[in-house]
N, C-alpha and C. Protein backbone atom coordinates (compact mmCIF):
# COMPACT_ATOMS: atom_id res chain seq x y z
N UNK A 1 -43.04 9.90 36.05
CA UNK A 1 -43.38 10.40 34.74
C UNK A 1 -44.87 10.74 34.68
N UNK A 2 -45.68 9.89 35.29
CA UNK A 2 -47.12 10.15 35.31
C UNK A 2 -47.42 11.45 36.03
N UNK A 3 -46.73 11.69 37.13
CA UNK A 3 -46.93 12.93 37.87
C UNK A 3 -46.56 14.14 37.02
N UNK A 4 -45.50 14.03 36.24
CA UNK A 4 -45.11 15.13 35.35
C UNK A 4 -46.22 15.43 34.35
N UNK A 5 -46.76 14.39 33.73
CA UNK A 5 -47.83 14.59 32.74
C UNK A 5 -49.06 15.21 33.40
N UNK A 6 -49.46 14.69 34.55
CA UNK A 6 -50.64 15.20 35.24
C UNK A 6 -50.43 16.65 35.65
N UNK A 7 -49.26 16.97 36.11
CA UNK A 7 -48.97 18.33 36.59
C UNK A 7 -48.82 19.33 35.45
N UNK A 8 -48.21 18.94 34.36
CA UNK A 8 -47.89 19.86 33.28
C UNK A 8 -49.02 20.06 32.28
N UNK A 9 -49.93 19.12 32.16
CA UNK A 9 -51.02 19.21 31.16
C UNK A 9 -51.84 20.51 31.29
N UNK A 10 -52.35 20.84 32.48
CA UNK A 10 -53.22 22.02 32.55
C UNK A 10 -52.49 23.37 32.60
N UNK A 11 -51.19 23.38 32.73
CA UNK A 11 -50.43 24.63 32.87
C UNK A 11 -50.35 25.35 31.53
N UNK A 12 -50.42 26.67 31.58
CA UNK A 12 -50.38 27.47 30.34
C UNK A 12 -49.03 27.37 29.63
N UNK A 13 -47.94 27.33 30.38
CA UNK A 13 -46.59 27.26 29.81
C UNK A 13 -45.86 26.04 30.39
N UNK A 14 -46.16 24.85 29.89
CA UNK A 14 -45.56 23.63 30.46
C UNK A 14 -44.08 23.49 30.07
N UNK A 15 -43.38 22.65 30.82
CA UNK A 15 -41.99 22.34 30.50
C UNK A 15 -41.89 21.58 29.19
N UNK A 16 -42.83 20.67 28.97
CA UNK A 16 -42.87 19.85 27.76
C UNK A 16 -44.22 20.04 27.10
N UNK A 17 -44.21 20.37 25.82
CA UNK A 17 -45.45 20.45 25.06
C UNK A 17 -45.76 19.05 24.53
N UNK A 18 -46.73 18.40 25.12
CA UNK A 18 -47.03 17.01 24.81
C UNK A 18 -47.58 16.84 23.40
N UNK A 19 -47.99 17.93 22.76
CA UNK A 19 -48.46 17.86 21.38
C UNK A 19 -47.34 17.41 20.44
N UNK A 20 -46.09 17.65 20.83
CA UNK A 20 -44.96 17.23 19.99
C UNK A 20 -44.94 15.71 19.79
N UNK A 21 -45.43 14.97 20.78
CA UNK A 21 -45.42 13.52 20.68
C UNK A 21 -46.45 12.99 19.68
N UNK A 22 -47.29 13.86 19.16
CA UNK A 22 -48.22 13.46 18.10
C UNK A 22 -47.49 13.27 16.77
N UNK A 23 -46.33 13.89 16.62
CA UNK A 23 -45.51 13.73 15.42
C UNK A 23 -44.69 12.45 15.56
N UNK A 24 -44.86 11.55 14.60
CA UNK A 24 -44.25 10.22 14.68
C UNK A 24 -42.73 10.28 14.79
N UNK A 25 -42.08 11.11 13.98
CA UNK A 25 -40.62 11.18 14.01
C UNK A 25 -40.11 11.67 15.36
N UNK A 26 -40.77 12.65 15.94
CA UNK A 26 -40.35 13.15 17.24
C UNK A 26 -40.53 12.08 18.31
N UNK A 27 -41.68 11.42 18.29
CA UNK A 27 -41.97 10.41 19.32
C UNK A 27 -41.00 9.23 19.22
N UNK A 28 -40.73 8.77 18.01
CA UNK A 28 -39.80 7.64 17.84
C UNK A 28 -38.39 8.06 18.22
N UNK A 29 -37.97 9.24 17.78
CA UNK A 29 -36.64 9.73 18.14
C UNK A 29 -36.47 9.88 19.64
N UNK A 30 -37.48 10.43 20.31
CA UNK A 30 -37.42 10.59 21.76
C UNK A 30 -37.38 9.23 22.46
N UNK A 31 -38.14 8.27 21.95
CA UNK A 31 -38.15 6.93 22.55
C UNK A 31 -36.80 6.24 22.39
N UNK A 32 -36.22 6.34 21.20
CA UNK A 32 -34.92 5.69 20.96
C UNK A 32 -33.83 6.34 21.81
N UNK A 33 -33.80 7.65 21.82
CA UNK A 33 -32.77 8.35 22.61
C UNK A 33 -32.95 8.05 24.09
N UNK A 34 -34.18 8.04 24.57
CA UNK A 34 -34.43 7.75 25.99
C UNK A 34 -33.99 6.34 26.34
N UNK A 35 -34.28 5.39 25.46
CA UNK A 35 -33.88 4.00 25.70
C UNK A 35 -32.36 3.86 25.76
N UNK A 36 -31.68 4.49 24.82
CA UNK A 36 -30.22 4.41 24.79
C UNK A 36 -29.62 5.07 26.02
N UNK A 37 -30.12 6.22 26.41
CA UNK A 37 -29.58 6.92 27.59
C UNK A 37 -29.86 6.12 28.86
N UNK A 38 -31.05 5.52 28.94
CA UNK A 38 -31.38 4.70 30.10
C UNK A 38 -30.42 3.52 30.21
N UNK A 39 -30.15 2.88 29.09
CA UNK A 39 -29.22 1.74 29.08
C UNK A 39 -27.81 2.20 29.44
N UNK A 40 -27.40 3.36 28.94
CA UNK A 40 -26.07 3.88 29.23
C UNK A 40 -25.90 4.15 30.72
N UNK A 41 -26.89 4.77 31.32
CA UNK A 41 -26.80 5.06 32.75
C UNK A 41 -26.73 3.76 33.55
N UNK A 42 -27.53 2.77 33.15
CA UNK A 42 -27.48 1.48 33.83
C UNK A 42 -26.12 0.83 33.72
N UNK A 43 -25.54 0.86 32.53
CA UNK A 43 -24.20 0.28 32.34
C UNK A 43 -23.16 1.05 33.14
N UNK A 44 -23.26 2.35 33.13
CA UNK A 44 -22.26 3.15 33.84
C UNK A 44 -22.34 2.93 35.35
N UNK A 45 -23.53 2.97 35.90
CA UNK A 45 -23.68 2.83 37.35
C UNK A 45 -23.34 1.41 37.79
N UNK A 46 -23.98 0.42 37.17
CA UNK A 46 -23.75 -0.95 37.61
C UNK A 46 -22.38 -1.46 37.16
N UNK A 47 -21.85 -0.91 36.08
CA UNK A 47 -20.50 -1.26 35.65
C UNK A 47 -19.46 -0.82 36.67
N UNK A 48 -19.63 0.38 37.20
CA UNK A 48 -18.70 0.89 38.22
C UNK A 48 -18.81 0.04 39.49
N UNK A 49 -20.02 -0.29 39.88
CA UNK A 49 -20.20 -1.13 41.07
C UNK A 49 -19.57 -2.50 40.85
N UNK A 50 -19.77 -3.08 39.68
CA UNK A 50 -19.19 -4.39 39.36
C UNK A 50 -17.65 -4.32 39.38
N UNK A 51 -17.10 -3.27 38.79
CA UNK A 51 -15.64 -3.13 38.78
C UNK A 51 -15.08 -3.03 40.20
N UNK A 52 -15.82 -2.41 41.08
CA UNK A 52 -15.35 -2.28 42.46
C UNK A 52 -15.53 -3.59 43.24
N UNK A 53 -16.72 -4.17 43.16
CA UNK A 53 -17.02 -5.35 43.98
C UNK A 53 -16.40 -6.64 43.45
N UNK A 54 -16.47 -6.86 42.15
CA UNK A 54 -16.02 -8.13 41.57
C UNK A 54 -14.55 -8.07 41.17
N UNK A 55 -14.18 -7.02 40.47
CA UNK A 55 -12.82 -6.92 39.95
C UNK A 55 -11.86 -6.42 41.03
N UNK A 56 -12.37 -5.66 41.99
CA UNK A 56 -11.53 -5.19 43.09
C UNK A 56 -10.87 -3.84 42.85
N UNK A 57 -11.39 -3.07 41.93
CA UNK A 57 -10.82 -1.73 41.68
C UNK A 57 -11.27 -0.76 42.77
N UNK A 58 -10.47 0.27 42.95
CA UNK A 58 -10.87 1.35 43.86
C UNK A 58 -11.94 2.19 43.15
N UNK A 59 -12.67 3.01 43.90
CA UNK A 59 -13.67 3.87 43.24
C UNK A 59 -13.06 4.76 42.16
N UNK A 60 -11.88 5.29 42.40
CA UNK A 60 -11.23 6.14 41.40
C UNK A 60 -10.87 5.34 40.15
N UNK A 61 -10.29 4.16 40.35
CA UNK A 61 -9.93 3.31 39.20
C UNK A 61 -11.15 2.91 38.39
N UNK A 62 -12.24 2.57 39.09
CA UNK A 62 -13.47 2.19 38.38
C UNK A 62 -14.04 3.37 37.60
N UNK A 63 -13.98 4.55 38.18
CA UNK A 63 -14.44 5.75 37.47
C UNK A 63 -13.62 6.03 36.23
N UNK A 64 -12.31 5.90 36.35
CA UNK A 64 -11.42 6.11 35.20
C UNK A 64 -11.66 5.03 34.14
N UNK A 65 -11.96 3.82 34.58
CA UNK A 65 -12.19 2.72 33.63
C UNK A 65 -13.42 2.95 32.77
N UNK A 66 -14.47 3.57 33.31
CA UNK A 66 -15.69 3.82 32.53
C UNK A 66 -15.69 5.19 31.86
N UNK A 67 -14.67 5.99 32.12
CA UNK A 67 -14.59 7.32 31.50
C UNK A 67 -14.64 7.26 29.97
N UNK A 68 -14.00 6.29 29.31
CA UNK A 68 -14.10 6.24 27.85
C UNK A 68 -15.52 6.05 27.32
N UNK A 69 -16.44 5.59 28.14
CA UNK A 69 -17.83 5.49 27.72
C UNK A 69 -18.47 6.86 27.52
N UNK A 70 -18.02 7.84 28.29
CA UNK A 70 -18.63 9.17 28.20
C UNK A 70 -17.97 10.06 27.15
N UNK A 71 -16.74 9.80 26.82
CA UNK A 71 -16.04 10.67 25.87
C UNK A 71 -16.70 10.73 24.48
N UNK A 72 -17.16 9.61 23.92
CA UNK A 72 -17.85 9.73 22.62
C UNK A 72 -19.11 10.59 22.70
N UNK A 73 -19.80 10.57 23.82
CA UNK A 73 -20.98 11.41 23.97
C UNK A 73 -20.60 12.89 23.92
N UNK A 74 -19.54 13.23 24.60
CA UNK A 74 -19.09 14.63 24.61
C UNK A 74 -18.67 15.08 23.22
N UNK A 75 -18.02 14.20 22.49
CA UNK A 75 -17.51 14.56 21.16
C UNK A 75 -18.62 14.57 20.12
N UNK A 76 -19.45 13.53 20.11
CA UNK A 76 -20.39 13.35 19.01
C UNK A 76 -21.77 13.95 19.23
N UNK A 77 -22.12 14.35 20.45
CA UNK A 77 -23.45 14.93 20.69
C UNK A 77 -23.66 16.21 19.88
N UNK A 78 -22.72 17.15 19.85
CA UNK A 78 -22.93 18.34 19.02
C UNK A 78 -23.03 18.01 17.53
N UNK A 79 -22.22 17.05 17.08
CA UNK A 79 -22.28 16.66 15.67
C UNK A 79 -23.61 16.01 15.34
N UNK A 80 -24.11 15.16 16.23
CA UNK A 80 -25.41 14.54 16.02
C UNK A 80 -26.53 15.55 15.99
N UNK A 81 -26.43 16.58 16.83
CA UNK A 81 -27.44 17.64 16.82
C UNK A 81 -27.47 18.39 15.50
N UNK A 82 -26.29 18.67 14.97
CA UNK A 82 -26.23 19.36 13.66
C UNK A 82 -26.79 18.47 12.55
N UNK A 83 -26.42 17.18 12.57
CA UNK A 83 -26.95 16.25 11.56
C UNK A 83 -28.47 16.11 11.68
N UNK A 84 -28.96 16.09 12.89
CA UNK A 84 -30.40 15.97 13.11
C UNK A 84 -31.13 17.20 12.57
N UNK A 85 -30.55 18.37 12.74
CA UNK A 85 -31.16 19.58 12.20
C UNK A 85 -31.21 19.54 10.67
N UNK A 86 -30.16 19.02 10.05
CA UNK A 86 -30.08 18.99 8.59
C UNK A 86 -30.88 17.85 7.97
N UNK A 87 -30.77 16.65 8.55
CA UNK A 87 -31.29 15.45 7.89
C UNK A 87 -32.49 14.81 8.59
N UNK A 88 -32.86 15.30 9.75
CA UNK A 88 -33.91 14.65 10.52
C UNK A 88 -33.30 13.61 11.45
N UNK A 89 -34.10 13.02 12.34
CA UNK A 89 -33.53 12.13 13.36
C UNK A 89 -33.13 10.75 12.87
N UNK A 90 -33.68 10.29 11.76
CA UNK A 90 -33.42 8.90 11.35
C UNK A 90 -31.96 8.64 11.00
N UNK A 91 -31.35 9.54 10.26
CA UNK A 91 -29.97 9.32 9.81
C UNK A 91 -28.99 9.30 11.00
N UNK A 92 -28.97 10.33 11.87
CA UNK A 92 -28.02 10.27 13.00
C UNK A 92 -28.26 9.10 13.93
N UNK A 93 -29.53 8.76 14.19
CA UNK A 93 -29.80 7.63 15.07
C UNK A 93 -29.36 6.33 14.44
N UNK A 94 -29.58 6.19 13.15
CA UNK A 94 -29.13 4.99 12.45
C UNK A 94 -27.62 4.88 12.41
N UNK A 95 -26.96 5.99 12.17
CA UNK A 95 -25.50 6.01 12.15
C UNK A 95 -24.95 5.68 13.53
N UNK A 96 -25.55 6.23 14.57
CA UNK A 96 -25.07 6.00 15.92
C UNK A 96 -25.34 4.61 16.45
N UNK A 97 -26.47 4.04 16.08
CA UNK A 97 -26.82 2.72 16.59
C UNK A 97 -26.02 1.61 15.91
N UNK A 98 -25.57 1.82 14.68
CA UNK A 98 -24.80 0.80 13.98
C UNK A 98 -23.52 0.42 14.70
N UNK A 99 -22.65 1.39 14.99
CA UNK A 99 -21.41 1.04 15.72
C UNK A 99 -21.68 0.51 17.12
N UNK A 100 -22.72 1.03 17.78
CA UNK A 100 -23.03 0.53 19.13
C UNK A 100 -23.43 -0.94 19.06
N UNK A 101 -24.19 -1.31 18.05
CA UNK A 101 -24.59 -2.71 17.91
C UNK A 101 -23.39 -3.57 17.59
N UNK A 102 -22.50 -3.06 16.74
CA UNK A 102 -21.29 -3.80 16.41
C UNK A 102 -20.40 -4.00 17.62
N UNK A 103 -20.29 -2.98 18.46
CA UNK A 103 -19.48 -3.11 19.67
C UNK A 103 -20.10 -4.11 20.63
N UNK A 104 -21.40 -4.11 20.69
CA UNK A 104 -22.10 -5.02 21.61
C UNK A 104 -21.89 -6.48 21.18
N UNK A 105 -22.00 -6.76 19.89
CA UNK A 105 -21.81 -8.14 19.43
C UNK A 105 -20.35 -8.56 19.54
N UNK A 106 -19.45 -7.60 19.37
CA UNK A 106 -18.02 -7.91 19.50
C UNK A 106 -17.66 -8.24 20.95
N UNK A 107 -18.34 -7.59 21.88
CA UNK A 107 -18.02 -7.78 23.29
C UNK A 107 -18.73 -8.98 23.91
N UNK A 108 -19.68 -9.59 23.20
CA UNK A 108 -20.42 -10.69 23.80
C UNK A 108 -19.53 -11.93 23.89
N UNK A 109 -19.68 -12.72 24.96
CA UNK A 109 -18.78 -13.85 25.20
C UNK A 109 -19.09 -15.09 24.36
N UNK A 110 -20.14 -15.08 23.55
CA UNK A 110 -20.50 -16.29 22.80
C UNK A 110 -19.64 -16.53 21.65
């Protein structure tokens, strides 16, 4: 990430305009979305490995088992984009994080 910033700063037409991060809503929205996506990738990758090594599933079975994790993203990403355009990032992020938090507490073994 540091290399990206160092490389893109002096360029006339950068991939990312870092001035956007001066806006609080953009910076917070980008941070929340990045954190959620990072966690999702970790769960998907290590979840598949766990299903294969610990549970004993084949690679195909493990892939099919985590497929339902990606389907909501495919369905709700366009809807979230439209809501974000209309209402700003707070409402869609709040709506999306609520069910995710509920699912997480429901799945915890305590």
